[in-house]
Amino acid sequence: MNIKKIIDKRLVLFIPALVMMYIIFSFSSDDAKESSSLSLEVTTDIVEAVDEVVYDNSMDDTTFKDYVKKLHLPVRKGAHMTEYALLAILIFLPLLAYYIRFTFLHYLSPVVVVFLYACTDEFHQTYINGRAGQMTDVLIDTSGAVIAIILAFLNVKLISYIKRKKSKKELTN
């Protein structure tokens, strides 16, 4: 039996998804203090950018800290949604190489994989100092995947609409 027939070259296309899974796992391995510190730094950078662009660096210290405090949780959860949205897309795109007809299953598969990975990620966090696995985080992570797959669905529909319109135009010419 030829080993090349057993190993499908298209499986290589899933490597970016595996890399993204590793990145998510690495972030989840940070203890609570490290994790919070990183997202607080990102939030501070965002508020600094807003202060510079919108307020021309005129925001006072109290207002600045208040904005950071208010935005920290949404930025943190938004980052989770974004990384899981990216994971869903990195799972969705290689499926195109298998010439799978766009069915409901094609769109559902990445969401299911992301949901299961989010569950294992939250379980993993129960072993990290100061972290806790929470079902709400699984739902937040999965919602990022759902949004990404809805956008992918709309994109596929738009592309097929444009192609149909273009082919009709070519037939009439």
N, C-alpha and C. Protein backbone atom coordinates (compact mmCIF):
# COMPACT_ATOMS: atom_id res chain seq x y z
N MET A 1 0.85 -1.19 0.00
CA MET A 1 0.00 0.00 0.00
C MET A 1 0.89 1.25 0.00
N ASN A 2 0.57 2.17 -0.87
CA ASN A 2 1.36 3.38 -1.02
C ASN A 2 1.00 4.38 0.08
N ILE A 3 2.02 4.81 0.83
CA ILE A 3 1.81 5.73 1.95
C ILE A 3 1.25 7.06 1.47
N LYS A 4 1.61 7.49 0.25
CA LYS A 4 1.12 8.75 -0.29
C LYS A 4 -0.40 8.72 -0.49
N LYS A 5 -0.93 7.54 -0.78
CA LYS A 5 -2.38 7.44 -0.94
C LYS A 5 -3.08 7.53 0.41
N ILE A 6 -2.41 7.10 1.44
CA ILE A 6 -3.00 7.13 2.78
C ILE A 6 -3.02 8.55 3.33
N ILE A 7 -1.92 9.25 3.19
CA ILE A 7 -1.82 10.60 3.72
C ILE A 7 -2.24 11.59 2.63
N ASP A 8 -3.32 12.24 2.88
CA ASP A 8 -3.86 13.22 1.93
C ASP A 8 -3.09 14.53 2.10
N LYS A 9 -2.51 15.02 1.01
CA LYS A 9 -1.72 16.26 1.06
C LYS A 9 -2.55 17.45 1.52
N ARG A 10 -3.83 17.40 1.29
CA ARG A 10 -4.69 18.52 1.68
C ARG A 10 -4.79 18.68 3.20
N LEU A 11 -4.43 17.66 3.93
CA LEU A 11 -4.46 17.77 5.40
C LEU A 11 -3.52 18.86 5.89
N VAL A 12 -2.49 19.16 5.11
CA VAL A 12 -1.54 20.23 5.46
C VAL A 12 -2.27 21.56 5.61
N LEU A 13 -3.37 21.72 4.90
CA LEU A 13 -4.12 22.97 4.95
C LEU A 13 -4.73 23.23 6.34
N PHE A 14 -4.79 22.19 7.15
CA PHE A 14 -5.33 22.35 8.51
C PHE A 14 -4.26 22.79 9.52
N ILE A 15 -3.01 22.88 9.09
CA ILE A 15 -1.94 23.28 10.00
C ILE A 15 -2.18 24.66 10.62
N PRO A 16 -2.63 25.68 9.85
CA PRO A 16 -2.92 26.96 10.50
C PRO A 16 -3.95 26.86 11.63
N ALA A 17 -4.96 26.01 11.47
CA ALA A 17 -5.94 25.82 12.54
C ALA A 17 -5.28 25.19 13.77
N LEU A 18 -4.39 24.25 13.54
CA LEU A 18 -3.68 23.62 14.65
C LEU A 18 -2.76 24.62 15.35
N VAL A 19 -2.14 25.50 14.57
CA VAL A 19 -1.29 26.55 15.15
C VAL A 19 -2.15 27.49 16.00
N MET A 20 -3.32 27.83 15.49
CA MET A 20 -4.22 28.70 16.25
C MET A 20 -4.66 28.02 17.54
N MET A 21 -4.91 26.74 17.49
CA MET A 21 -5.27 25.99 18.70
C MET A 21 -4.14 26.04 19.71
N TYR A 22 -2.92 25.91 19.23
CA TYR A 22 -1.76 25.99 20.12
C TYR A 22 -1.66 27.39 20.75
N ILE A 23 -1.90 28.42 19.97
CA ILE A 23 -1.84 29.80 20.49
C ILE A 23 -2.89 30.00 21.58
N ILE A 24 -4.11 29.53 21.31
CA ILE A 24 -5.18 29.63 22.31
C ILE A 24 -4.79 28.87 23.58
N PHE A 25 -4.26 27.67 23.41
CA PHE A 25 -3.82 26.87 24.55
C PHE A 25 -2.75 27.60 25.35
N SER A 26 -1.82 28.24 24.65
CA SER A 26 -0.75 28.99 25.32
C SER A 26 -1.30 30.14 26.15
N PHE A 27 -2.25 30.90 25.57
CA PHE A 27 -2.87 31.99 26.32
C PHE A 27 -3.60 31.45 27.55
N SER A 28 -4.26 30.31 27.38
CA SER A 28 -5.01 29.72 28.50
C SER A 28 -4.10 29.15 29.58
N SER A 29 -2.84 28.96 29.25
CA SER A 29 -1.90 28.44 30.23
C SER A 29 -1.35 29.52 31.15
N ASP A 30 -1.59 30.79 30.79
CA ASP A 30 -1.17 31.89 31.65
C ASP A 30 -2.03 31.90 32.91
N ASP A 31 -1.43 32.20 34.04
CA ASP A 31 -2.24 32.29 35.25
C ASP A 31 -3.11 33.55 35.18
N ALA A 32 -4.03 33.68 36.13
CA ALA A 32 -5.01 34.76 36.09
C ALA A 32 -4.34 36.13 36.05
N LYS A 33 -3.28 36.31 36.82
CA LYS A 33 -2.61 37.61 36.89
C LYS A 33 -1.99 37.97 35.54
N GLU A 34 -1.28 37.01 34.93
CA GLU A 34 -0.66 37.25 33.61
C GLU A 34 -1.71 37.56 32.55
N SER A 35 -2.78 36.77 32.55
CA SER A 35 -3.83 36.92 31.55
C SER A 35 -4.51 38.28 31.67
N SER A 36 -4.84 38.65 32.89
CA SER A 36 -5.49 39.94 33.12
C SER A 36 -4.56 41.09 32.77
N SER A 37 -3.28 40.94 33.09
CA SER A 37 -2.29 41.98 32.80
C SER A 37 -2.18 42.23 31.29
N LEU A 38 -2.17 41.15 30.52
CA LEU A 38 -2.06 41.27 29.06
C LEU A 38 -3.28 42.00 28.49
N SER A 39 -4.46 41.59 28.90
CA SER A 39 -5.66 42.24 28.35
C SER A 39 -5.80 43.67 28.86
N LEU A 40 -5.31 43.94 30.07
CA LEU A 40 -5.34 45.31 30.59
C LEU A 40 -4.40 46.20 29.79
N GLU A 41 -3.26 45.65 29.39
CA GLU A 41 -2.30 46.39 28.56
C GLU A 41 -2.92 46.73 27.20
N VAL A 42 -3.62 45.78 26.60
CA VAL A 42 -4.28 46.01 25.31
C VAL A 42 -5.37 47.06 25.47
N THR A 43 -6.15 46.95 26.54
CA THR A 43 -7.22 47.92 26.79
C THR A 43 -6.64 49.32 26.97
N THR A 44 -5.56 49.42 27.71
CA THR A 44 -4.89 50.71 27.92
C THR A 44 -4.42 51.30 26.59
N ASP A 45 -3.85 50.46 25.74
CA ASP A 45 -3.41 50.91 24.41
C ASP A 45 -4.58 51.44 23.58
N ILE A 46 -5.72 50.77 23.67
CA ILE A 46 -6.90 51.20 22.92
C ILE A 46 -7.38 52.55 23.43
N VAL A 47 -7.46 52.71 24.76
CA VAL A 47 -7.92 53.98 25.33
C VAL A 47 -6.92 55.10 25.00
N GLU A 48 -5.62 54.80 25.02
CA GLU A 48 -4.62 55.80 24.63
C GLU A 48 -4.82 56.24 23.19
N ALA A 49 -5.11 55.30 22.31
CA ALA A 49 -5.33 55.63 20.89
C ALA A 49 -6.58 56.49 20.73
N VAL A 50 -7.64 56.15 21.46
CA VAL A 50 -8.87 56.95 21.40
C VAL A 50 -8.61 58.35 21.94
N ASP A 51 -7.87 58.43 23.05
CA ASP A 51 -7.55 59.73 23.63
C ASP A 51 -6.77 60.59 22.64
N GLU A 52 -5.83 59.97 21.95
CA GLU A 52 -5.02 60.71 20.98
C GLU A 52 -5.83 61.16 19.77
N VAL A 53 -6.62 60.26 19.21
CA VAL A 53 -7.35 60.55 17.98
C VAL A 53 -8.60 61.39 18.22
N VAL A 54 -9.38 61.02 19.22
CA VAL A 54 -10.66 61.69 19.44
C VAL A 54 -10.53 62.91 20.35
N TYR A 55 -9.78 62.76 21.42
CA TYR A 55 -9.71 63.83 22.42
C TYR A 55 -8.44 64.67 22.36
N ASP A 56 -7.61 64.41 21.37
CA ASP A 56 -6.36 65.16 21.19
C ASP A 56 -5.52 65.18 22.46
N ASN A 57 -5.40 64.03 23.10
CA ASN A 57 -4.63 63.82 24.33
C ASN A 57 -5.06 64.75 25.48
N SER A 58 -6.35 65.05 25.54
CA SER A 58 -6.83 65.95 26.60
C SER A 58 -7.60 65.23 27.70
N MET A 59 -7.64 63.90 27.65
CA MET A 59 -8.36 63.14 28.66
C MET A 59 -7.61 63.21 30.00
N ASP A 60 -8.32 63.56 31.07
CA ASP A 60 -7.66 63.60 32.38
C ASP A 60 -7.46 62.18 32.91
N ASP A 61 -6.62 62.04 33.91
CA ASP A 61 -6.23 60.74 34.45
C ASP A 61 -7.42 59.93 34.96
N THR A 62 -8.33 60.58 35.66
CA THR A 62 -9.49 59.88 36.22
C THR A 62 -10.38 59.33 35.11
N THR A 63 -10.64 60.14 34.10
CA THR A 63 -11.46 59.71 32.97
C THR A 63 -10.78 58.58 32.22
N PHE A 64 -9.47 58.71 32.03
CA PHE A 64 -8.69 57.68 31.35
C PHE A 64 -8.83 56.34 32.08
N LYS A 65 -8.60 56.35 33.38
CA LYS A 65 -8.69 55.12 34.18
C LYS A 65 -10.10 54.56 34.18
N ASP A 66 -11.09 55.44 34.18
CA ASP A 66 -12.48 55.02 34.15
C ASP A 66 -12.81 54.29 32.84
N TYR A 67 -12.33 54.84 31.72
CA TYR A 67 -12.52 54.19 30.42
C TYR A 67 -11.84 52.82 30.39
N VAL A 68 -10.63 52.76 30.90
CA VAL A 68 -9.90 51.48 30.92
C VAL A 68 -10.69 50.45 31.74
N LYS A 69 -11.18 50.87 32.89
CA LYS A 69 -11.93 49.98 33.76
C LYS A 69 -13.21 49.48 33.07
N LYS A 70 -13.93 50.39 32.39
CA LYS A 70 -15.18 50.03 31.72
C LYS A 70 -14.96 49.13 30.51
N LEU A 71 -13.85 49.34 29.81
CA LEU A 71 -13.60 48.61 28.56
C LEU A 71 -12.83 47.30 28.75
N HIS A 72 -12.24 47.09 29.92
CA HIS A 72 -11.38 45.92 30.11
C HIS A 72 -12.12 44.61 29.83
N LEU A 73 -13.28 44.40 30.42
CA LEU A 73 -14.02 43.16 30.22
C LEU A 73 -14.48 42.99 28.76
N PRO A 74 -15.09 44.02 28.14
CA PRO A 74 -15.47 43.85 26.73
C PRO A 74 -14.28 43.57 25.80
N VAL A 75 -13.14 44.21 26.07
CA VAL A 75 -11.95 43.95 25.25
C VAL A 75 -11.48 42.51 25.45
N ARG A 76 -11.49 42.06 26.68
CA ARG A 76 -11.06 40.70 27.02
C ARG A 76 -11.95 39.67 26.32
N LYS A 77 -13.26 39.86 26.44
CA LYS A 77 -14.20 38.90 25.84
C LYS A 77 -14.19 39.03 24.31
N GLY A 78 -14.00 40.25 23.82
CA GLY A 78 -13.89 40.45 22.37
C GLY A 78 -12.68 39.74 21.79
N ALA A 79 -11.59 39.73 22.55
CA ALA A 79 -10.38 39.01 22.11
C ALA A 79 -10.66 37.51 22.02
N HIS A 80 -11.40 36.98 22.99
CA HIS A 80 -11.76 35.57 22.95
C HIS A 80 -12.61 35.27 21.72
N MET A 81 -13.61 36.11 21.48
CA MET A 81 -14.47 35.90 20.31
C MET A 81 -13.66 35.95 19.02
N THR A 82 -12.72 36.88 18.96
CA THR A 82 -11.91 37.05 17.75
C THR A 82 -11.01 35.84 17.51
N GLU A 83 -10.34 35.36 18.55
CA GLU A 83 -9.44 34.22 18.32
C GLU A 83 -10.22 32.96 17.94
N TYR A 84 -11.41 32.78 18.50
CA TYR A 84 -12.21 31.62 18.13
C TYR A 84 -12.89 31.81 16.77
N ALA A 85 -13.18 33.04 16.39
CA ALA A 85 -13.70 33.31 15.05
C ALA A 85 -12.63 32.95 14.02
N LEU A 86 -11.40 33.36 14.30
CA LEU A 86 -10.29 33.02 13.40
C LEU A 86 -10.10 31.51 13.31
N LEU A 87 -10.21 30.83 14.44
CA LEU A 87 -10.09 29.37 14.43
C LEU A 87 -11.18 28.75 13.55
N ALA A 88 -12.39 29.24 13.66
CA ALA A 88 -13.49 28.71 12.83
C ALA A 88 -13.20 28.89 11.34
N ILE A 89 -12.69 30.05 10.97
CA ILE A 89 -12.36 30.30 9.56
C ILE A 89 -11.20 29.41 9.11
N LEU A 90 -10.23 29.21 9.99
CA LEU A 90 -9.09 28.36 9.64
C LEU A 90 -9.47 26.89 9.54
N ILE A 91 -10.60 26.53 10.09
CA ILE A 91 -11.15 25.18 9.91
C ILE A 91 -12.03 25.14 8.67
N PHE A 92 -12.79 26.19 8.44
CA PHE A 92 -13.72 26.28 7.31
C PHE A 92 -12.99 26.28 5.96
N LEU A 93 -11.97 27.10 5.83
CA LEU A 93 -11.31 27.27 4.53
C LEU A 93 -10.69 25.99 3.97
N PRO A 94 -9.99 25.17 4.76
CA PRO A 94 -9.43 23.94 4.18
C PRO A 94 -10.50 22.97 3.67
N LEU A 95 -11.69 23.06 4.22
CA LEU A 95 -12.76 22.19 3.73
C LEU A 95 -13.06 22.45 2.25
N LEU A 96 -12.76 23.67 1.80
CA LEU A 96 -12.95 24.02 0.38
C LEU A 96 -12.08 23.14 -0.52
N ALA A 97 -10.91 22.75 -0.02
CA ALA A 97 -9.99 21.92 -0.81
C ALA A 97 -10.53 20.52 -1.04
N TYR A 98 -11.52 20.13 -0.26
CA TYR A 98 -12.10 18.80 -0.42
C TYR A 98 -13.31 18.82 -1.35
N TYR A 99 -13.55 19.96 -1.98
CA TYR A 99 -14.63 20.12 -2.94
C TYR A 99 -15.98 19.69 -2.34
N ILE A 100 -16.12 19.95 -1.07
CA ILE A 100 -17.38 19.63 -0.41
C ILE A 100 -18.42 20.65 -0.88
N ARG A 101 -19.55 20.14 -1.29
CA ARG A 101 -20.64 21.04 -1.67
C ARG A 101 -21.05 21.82 -0.43
N PHE A 102 -21.33 23.08 -0.61
CA PHE A 102 -21.68 23.92 0.52
C PHE A 102 -23.05 23.50 1.07
N THR A 103 -22.99 22.69 2.09
CA THR A 103 -24.22 22.25 2.77
C THR A 103 -24.20 22.83 4.17
N PHE A 104 -25.28 22.61 4.86
CA PHE A 104 -25.38 23.06 6.25
C PHE A 104 -24.24 22.46 7.08
N LEU A 105 -23.90 21.20 6.81
CA LEU A 105 -22.83 20.52 7.54
C LEU A 105 -21.48 21.20 7.35
N HIS A 106 -21.25 21.72 6.14
CA HIS A 106 -19.99 22.42 5.85
C HIS A 106 -19.83 23.62 6.78
N TYR A 107 -20.93 24.31 7.02
CA TYR A 107 -20.88 25.49 7.89
C TYR A 107 -20.94 25.12 9.37
N LEU A 108 -21.63 24.05 9.68
CA LEU A 108 -21.78 23.63 11.07
C LEU A 108 -20.51 23.00 11.64
N SER A 109 -19.77 22.27 10.83
CA SER A 109 -18.58 21.54 11.30
C SER A 109 -17.58 22.44 12.04
N PRO A 110 -17.17 23.58 11.49
CA PRO A 110 -16.22 24.43 12.22
C PRO A 110 -16.78 24.92 13.57
N VAL A 111 -18.08 25.20 13.60
CA VAL A 111 -18.69 25.68 14.85
C VAL A 111 -18.66 24.57 15.90
N VAL A 112 -18.95 23.35 15.50
CA VAL A 112 -18.92 22.22 16.43
C VAL A 112 -17.50 21.99 16.94
N VAL A 113 -16.53 22.02 16.05
CA VAL A 113 -15.13 21.83 16.45
C VAL A 113 -14.71 22.94 17.43
N VAL A 114 -15.07 24.18 17.12
CA VAL A 114 -14.73 25.30 18.01
C VAL A 114 -15.41 25.13 19.36
N PHE A 115 -16.67 24.74 19.37
CA PHE A 115 -17.38 24.52 20.64
C PHE A 115 -16.67 23.46 21.47
N LEU A 116 -16.33 22.34 20.85
CA LEU A 116 -15.64 21.27 21.59
C LEU A 116 -14.26 21.72 22.08
N TYR A 117 -13.54 22.47 21.24
CA TYR A 117 -12.23 22.97 21.65
C TYR A 117 -12.37 23.98 22.79
N ALA A 118 -13.38 24.83 22.72
CA ALA A 118 -13.62 25.80 23.80
C ALA A 118 -13.94 25.07 25.11
N CYS A 119 -14.69 23.98 25.03
CA CYS A 119 -14.98 23.17 26.23
C CYS A 119 -13.69 22.62 26.83
N THR A 120 -12.83 22.06 25.98
CA THR A 120 -11.57 21.51 26.49
C THR A 120 -10.66 22.60 27.03
N ASP A 121 -10.71 23.77 26.39
CA ASP A 121 -9.90 24.90 26.84
C ASP A 121 -10.34 25.36 28.23
N GLU A 122 -11.65 25.45 28.44
CA GLU A 122 -12.15 25.85 29.76
C GLU A 122 -11.83 24.79 30.80
N PHE A 123 -11.89 23.53 30.43
CA PHE A 123 -11.49 22.45 31.36
C PHE A 123 -10.01 22.59 31.71
N HIS A 124 -9.19 22.87 30.71
CA HIS A 124 -7.75 23.07 30.92
C HIS A 124 -7.52 24.21 31.92
N GLN A 125 -8.31 25.28 31.81
CA GLN A 125 -8.13 26.43 32.69
C GLN A 125 -8.43 26.12 34.15
N THR A 126 -9.20 25.07 34.41
CA THR A 126 -9.49 24.71 35.81
C THR A 126 -8.22 24.26 36.54
N TYR A 127 -7.19 23.91 35.79
CA TYR A 127 -5.92 23.48 36.37
C TYR A 127 -4.89 24.62 36.46
N ILE A 128 -5.27 25.81 36.03
CA ILE A 128 -4.35 26.96 36.02
C ILE A 128 -4.65 27.84 37.23
N ASN A 129 -3.60 28.28 37.89
CA ASN A 129 -3.72 29.09 39.10
C ASN A 129 -4.56 30.36 38.86
N GLY A 130 -5.64 30.50 39.63
CA GLY A 130 -6.48 31.69 39.56
C GLY A 130 -7.48 31.70 38.42
N ARG A 131 -7.48 30.66 37.60
CA ARG A 131 -8.41 30.60 36.47
C ARG A 131 -9.52 29.61 36.79
N ALA A 132 -10.63 29.76 36.11
CA ALA A 132 -11.77 28.85 36.30
C ALA A 132 -12.43 28.60 34.96
N GLY A 133 -12.80 27.39 34.71
CA GLY A 133 -13.52 27.07 33.49
C GLY A 133 -14.98 27.48 33.66
N GLN A 134 -15.47 28.25 32.69
CA GLN A 134 -16.85 28.73 32.79
C GLN A 134 -17.60 28.47 31.50
N MET A 135 -18.82 27.98 31.64
CA MET A 135 -19.65 27.71 30.46
C MET A 135 -19.96 28.99 29.70
N THR A 136 -20.07 30.11 30.41
CA THR A 136 -20.32 31.39 29.72
C THR A 136 -19.18 31.72 28.76
N ASP A 137 -17.95 31.40 29.15
CA ASP A 137 -16.80 31.63 28.26
C ASP A 137 -16.87 30.73 27.03
N VAL A 138 -17.33 29.49 27.21
CA VAL A 138 -17.51 28.59 26.06
C VAL A 138 -18.51 29.21 25.09
N LEU A 139 -19.60 29.76 25.63
CA LEU A 139 -20.62 30.37 24.78
C LEU A 139 -20.10 31.62 24.07
N ILE A 140 -19.29 32.42 24.78
CA ILE A 140 -18.69 33.61 24.16
C ILE A 140 -17.75 33.19 23.04
N ASP A 141 -16.91 32.20 23.31
CA ASP A 141 -15.97 31.70 22.30
C ASP A 141 -16.72 31.16 21.08
N THR A 142 -17.75 30.38 21.34
CA THR A 142 -18.52 29.77 20.25
C THR A 142 -19.28 30.83 19.47
N SER A 143 -19.73 31.89 20.14
CA SER A 143 -20.43 32.95 19.41
C SER A 143 -19.50 33.63 18.41
N GLY A 144 -18.22 33.73 18.74
CA GLY A 144 -17.24 34.25 17.78
C GLY A 144 -17.19 33.38 16.53
N ALA A 145 -17.21 32.06 16.74
CA ALA A 145 -17.20 31.13 15.61
C ALA A 145 -18.48 31.25 14.79
N VAL A 146 -19.62 31.37 15.46
CA VAL A 146 -20.90 31.49 14.76
C VAL A 146 -20.92 32.74 13.89
N ILE A 147 -20.46 33.86 14.44
CA ILE A 147 -20.42 35.11 13.68
C ILE A 147 -19.51 34.96 12.46
N ALA A 148 -18.34 34.35 12.65
CA ALA A 148 -17.40 34.16 11.53
C ALA A 148 -18.00 33.28 10.44
N ILE A 149 -18.69 32.22 10.84
CA ILE A 149 -19.26 31.30 9.85
C ILE A 149 -20.46 31.95 9.14
N ILE A 150 -21.23 32.76 9.85
CA ILE A 150 -22.31 33.50 9.18
C ILE A 150 -21.73 34.44 8.14
N LEU A 151 -20.64 35.12 8.48
CA LEU A 151 -19.98 36.00 7.51
C LEU A 151 -19.42 35.21 6.33
N ALA A 152 -18.87 34.02 6.60
CA ALA A 152 -18.37 33.16 5.51
C ALA A 152 -19.52 32.73 4.61
N PHE A 153 -20.65 32.37 5.21
CA PHE A 153 -21.84 31.98 4.45
C PHE A 153 -22.29 33.12 3.54
N LEU A 154 -22.39 34.32 4.10
CA LEU A 154 -22.80 35.48 3.31
C LEU A 154 -21.81 35.77 2.19
N ASN A 155 -20.53 35.59 2.47
CA ASN A 155 -19.49 35.80 1.48
C ASN A 155 -19.62 34.79 0.33
N VAL A 156 -19.84 33.53 0.67
CA VAL A 156 -20.01 32.50 -0.36
C VAL A 156 -21.23 32.80 -1.21
N LYS A 157 -22.32 33.20 -0.58
CA LYS A 157 -23.54 33.53 -1.32
C LYS A 157 -23.32 34.73 -2.24
N LEU A 158 -22.62 35.74 -1.75
CA LEU A 158 -22.32 36.93 -2.56
C LEU A 158 -21.45 36.56 -3.76
N ILE A 159 -20.44 35.76 -3.55
CA ILE A 159 -19.55 35.34 -4.64
C ILE A 159 -20.32 34.53 -5.68
N SER A 160 -21.17 33.61 -5.23
CA SER A 160 -21.94 32.81 -6.21
C SER A 160 -22.95 33.68 -6.95
N TYR A 161 -23.52 34.67 -6.29
CA TYR A 161 -24.44 35.61 -6.95
C TYR A 161 -23.71 36.40 -8.04
N ILE A 162 -22.52 36.90 -7.71
CA ILE A 162 -21.72 37.66 -8.68
C ILE A 162 -21.34 36.78 -9.85
N LYS A 163 -20.95 35.54 -9.59
CA LYS A 163 -20.59 34.62 -10.68
C LYS A 163 -21.77 34.32 -11.58
N ARG A 164 -22.94 34.10 -10.97
CA ARG A 164 -24.15 33.83 -11.78
C ARG A 164 -24.50 35.04 -12.64
N LYS A 165 -24.43 36.20 -12.04
CA LYS A 165 -24.76 37.43 -12.76
C LYS A 165 -23.78 37.64 -13.92
N LYS A 166 -22.49 37.37 -13.66
CA LYS A 166 -21.47 37.53 -14.69
C LYS A 166 -21.68 36.54 -15.83
N SER A 167 -22.01 35.29 -15.50
CA SER A 167 -22.21 34.28 -16.55
C SER A 167 -23.47 34.57 -17.37
N LYS A 168 -24.52 35.10 -16.72
CA LYS A 168 -25.72 35.49 -17.46
C LYS A 168 -25.39 36.63 -18.42
N LYS A 169 -24.59 37.57 -17.96
CA LYS A 169 -24.19 38.71 -18.79
C LYS A 169 -23.39 38.23 -20.00
N GLU A 170 -22.49 37.26 -19.79
CA GLU A 170 -21.67 36.74 -20.88
C GLU A 170 -22.52 35.97 -21.88
N LEU A 171 -23.57 35.30 -21.40
CA LEU A 171 -24.46 34.58 -22.31
C LEU A 171 -25.27 35.51 -23.19
N THR A 172 -25.65 36.66 -22.65
CA THR A 172 -26.44 37.61 -23.43
C THR A 172 -25.60 38.41 -24.42
N ASN A 173 -24.31 38.46 -24.23
CA ASN A 173 -23.42 39.21 -25.15
C ASN A 173 -23.06 38.42 -26.32
